[in-house]
Amino acid sequence: MLAALVALAVGSELVIAHPTGHGSIALALLLLGGPALYLTTTAWFFGTTAGGAWKERLLTAATLAVTGVAHVLVDWLLKG
């Protein structure tokens, strides 16, 4: 979970440091992959310990993963 929070923090810092810069694959992975990793690990934790609220977290993590892939593809198409 800590790695996910660090990834989100690094991505946020990159956006703050370069607000007019173009997005990149690394930035998309940091901003969307961090929360997706966090939600996946908490879904696993709640699924194995408490048995509750894990499906919602996995669905949200999957949505973030799809959004990240879409962002990378759009960025690739616009540059190409």
C-alpha atoms as a PDB file:
ATOM      1  CA  MET A   1       0.000   0.000   0.000  1.00  0.00           C
ATOM      2  CA  LEU A   2       2.878   2.346   0.719  1.00  0.00           C
ATOM      3  CA  ALA A   3       4.324   1.914  -2.775  1.00  0.00           C
ATOM      4  CA  ALA A   4       0.961   2.917  -4.232  1.00  0.00           C
ATOM      5  CA  LEU A   5       0.801   6.068  -2.116  1.00  0.00           C
ATOM      6  CA  VAL A   6       4.379   6.973  -3.033  1.00  0.00           C
ATOM      7  CA  ALA A   7       3.591   6.520  -6.749  1.00  0.00           C
ATOM      8  CA  LEU A   8       0.586   8.821  -6.453  1.00  0.00           C
ATOM      9  CA  ALA A   9       2.635  11.407  -4.552  1.00  0.00           C
ATOM     10  CA  VAL A  10       5.422  11.350  -7.154  1.00  0.00           C
ATOM     11  CA  GLY A  11       2.917  11.707  -9.998  1.00  0.00           C
ATOM     12  CA  SER A  12       1.227  14.604  -8.236  1.00  0.00           C
ATOM     13  CA  GLU A  13       4.580  16.306  -7.681  1.00  0.00           C
ATOM     14  CA  LEU A  14       5.405  15.982 -11.378  1.00  0.00           C
ATOM     15  CA  VAL A  15       2.114  17.640 -12.310  1.00  0.00           C
ATOM     16  CA  ILE A  16       2.664  20.442  -9.788  1.00  0.00           C
ATOM     17  CA  ALA A  17       6.284  20.992 -10.872  1.00  0.00           C
ATOM     18  CA  HIS A  18       5.398  21.069 -14.599  1.00  0.00           C
ATOM     19  CA  PRO A  19       1.758  22.194 -14.870  1.00  0.00           C
ATOM     20  CA  THR A  20       1.943  23.038 -18.592  1.00  0.00           C
ATOM     21  CA  GLY A  21       3.992  19.998 -19.589  1.00  0.00           C
ATOM     22  CA  HIS A  22       2.582  17.221 -21.705  1.00  0.00           C
ATOM     23  CA  GLY A  23       1.561  13.943 -20.187  1.00  0.00           C
ATOM     24  CA  SER A  24       3.702  10.867 -20.517  1.00  0.00           C
ATOM     25  CA  ILE A  25       3.347   7.167 -20.026  1.00  0.00           C
ATOM     26  CA  ALA A  26       5.248   7.358 -16.749  1.00  0.00           C
ATOM     27  CA  LEU A  27       2.972  10.118 -15.497  1.00  0.00           C
ATOM     28  CA  ALA A  28      -0.153   8.141 -16.418  1.00  0.00           C
ATOM     29  CA  LEU A  29       1.227   5.086 -14.640  1.00  0.00           C
ATOM     30  CA  LEU A  30       2.023   7.097 -11.534  1.00  0.00           C
ATOM     31  CA  LEU A  31      -1.259   9.017 -11.335  1.00  0.00           C
ATOM     32  CA  LEU A  32      -3.587   6.146 -12.236  1.00  0.00           C
ATOM     33  CA  GLY A  33      -1.474   3.131 -11.334  1.00  0.00           C
ATOM     34  CA  GLY A  34      -0.817   4.330  -7.791  1.00  0.00           C
ATOM     35  CA  PRO A  35      -4.484   4.471  -6.795  1.00  0.00           C
ATOM     36  CA  ALA A  36      -5.212   1.260  -8.729  1.00  0.00           C
ATOM     37  CA  LEU A  37      -2.444  -0.550  -6.828  1.00  0.00           C
ATOM     38  CA  TYR A  38      -3.706   0.883  -3.526  1.00  0.00           C
ATOM     39  CA  LEU A  39      -7.284  -0.208  -4.213  1.00  0.00           C
ATOM     40  CA  THR A  40      -6.157  -3.673  -5.300  1.00  0.00           C
ATOM     41  CA  THR A  41      -4.085  -4.234  -2.175  1.00  0.00           C
ATOM     42  CA  THR A  42      -6.811  -2.954   0.139  1.00  0.00           C
ATOM     43  CA  ALA A  43      -9.361  -5.121  -1.712  1.00  0.00           C
ATOM     44  CA  TRP A  44      -7.150  -8.137  -1.100  1.00  0.00           C
ATOM     45  CA  PHE A  45      -6.732  -7.173   2.570  1.00  0.00           C
ATOM     46  CA  PHE A  46     -10.443  -6.604   3.198  1.00  0.00           C
ATOM     47  CA  GLY A  47     -11.351  -9.709   1.208  1.00  0.00           C
ATOM     48  CA  THR A  48      -9.082 -11.952   3.255  1.00  0.00           C
ATOM     49  CA  THR A  49      -9.662 -10.420   6.685  1.00  0.00           C
ATOM     50  CA  ALA A  50     -13.110  -8.848   6.920  1.00  0.00           C
ATOM     51  CA  GLY A  51     -14.728 -10.199   3.766  1.00  0.00           C
ATOM     52  CA  GLY A  52     -16.354  -6.889   2.928  1.00  0.00           C
ATOM     53  CA  ALA A  53     -16.100  -4.063   0.378  1.00  0.00           C
ATOM     54  CA  TRP A  54     -13.516  -5.826  -1.766  1.00  0.00           C
ATOM     55  CA  LYS A  55     -15.562  -6.086  -4.953  1.00  0.00           C
ATOM     56  CA  GLU A  56     -16.080  -2.329  -5.117  1.00  0.00           C
ATOM     57  CA  ARG A  57     -12.371  -1.702  -4.697  1.00  0.00           C
ATOM     58  CA  LEU A  58     -11.444  -4.177  -7.426  1.00  0.00           C
ATOM     59  CA  LEU A  59     -13.997  -2.619  -9.785  1.00  0.00           C
ATOM     60  CA  THR A  60     -12.579   0.846  -9.130  1.00  0.00           C
ATOM     61  CA  ALA A  61      -9.004  -0.407  -9.600  1.00  0.00           C
ATOM     62  CA  ALA A  62      -9.991  -1.984 -12.919  1.00  0.00           C
ATOM     63  CA  THR A  63     -11.621   1.286 -14.002  1.00  0.00           C
ATOM     64  CA  LEU A  64      -8.435   3.175 -13.196  1.00  0.00           C
ATOM     65  CA  ALA A  65      -6.357   0.623 -15.126  1.00  0.00           C
ATOM     66  CA  VAL A  66      -8.582   0.970 -18.197  1.00  0.00           C
ATOM     67  CA  THR A  67      -8.439   4.766 -17.914  1.00  0.00           C
ATOM     68  CA  GLY A  68      -4.642   4.628 -17.711  1.00  0.00           C
ATOM     69  CA  VAL A  69      -4.381   2.463 -20.817  1.00  0.00           C
ATOM     70  CA  ALA A  70      -6.793   4.751 -22.679  1.00  0.00           C
ATOM     71  CA  HIS A  71      -4.729   7.786 -21.686  1.00  0.00           C
ATOM     72  CA  VAL A  72      -1.526   6.188 -22.941  1.00  0.00           C
ATOM     73  CA  LEU A  73      -3.169   5.187 -26.233  1.00  0.00           C
ATOM     74  CA  VAL A  74      -4.628   8.660 -26.811  1.00  0.00           C
ATOM     75  CA  ASP A  75      -1.278  10.249 -25.988  1.00  0.00           C
ATOM     76  CA  TRP A  76       0.459   7.860 -28.403  1.00  0.00           C
ATOM     77  CA  LEU A  77      -2.040   8.565 -31.167  1.00  0.00           C
ATOM     78  CA  LEU A  78      -1.752  12.333 -30.748  1.00  0.00           C
ATOM     79  CA  LYS A  79       2.044  12.213 -30.878  1.00  0.00           C
ATOM     80  CA  GLY A  80       2.118   9.781 -33.814  1.00  0.00           C
END
